């Protein structure tokens, strides 16, 4: 994993580098004392793991992570425990409080590596044709999802949102709608828009420009009208 260290304290940066240098699966590609410098590096280098202080002059660590469109795995390292809630609201991987024990640091590294391997092996584990479910990566674990429970799936930049029936909590997974679509039975799920897939069993009715499901209206793109025509066996008016 390519790793970037960000901390405004030179001694803290050096200590972090020393503690990580013997971790075989981590390659430190840069050390920064400001968030602005970190942004510059991340624009030109692939960063898989970010160890970042929070309380820094200028742009702080929280603001840095919020500004990222495509986020790496993030571990906040700070002397201020009060920032922990803010950090986890950003869905960071871990939160370390200085001074960081070596054992705790290695635990965070192992957690990052496991998730990195999982994400890069496959964001979705393909089901066999006989199965009625698949697994998706969400919140640093694999979640089993039954096909019949899915009402629709929405693409959201770097994530997809899987909306389930019976008021179950939607599942967010860091993958693409295209990758998810490949894992779904084509007889059950139809693309109706560049950002939406819908389970045909939850379609209530279709009218011009809209596919109506359970308590939701989803856009029907002209590019996918032919698909819907084939599904219902007639042309939409």
Foldseek 3Di string as FASTA:
>chain_A
DEEEEEALDPVVQVVVCVLCVPVVVYDYPYYYNDLVVVVVCVVPDDHQEYEAEADHPDQGPLNSQVPDLDHHAYEYEYQDPVCVVVVCVSVHQYYHHPPGDSVNVVVSVVLSVVLVVVVVVDQWDADDPPDQWTWGDASSDIDIDGVVQFFKWFFDRQWIWTDGPPPDHITITRHGPVSVVVRDDPLQWADFDNTMIGGPVQFPDDAVQWTDGDVDTDGGDPVRQVVVCVNVVHHHD
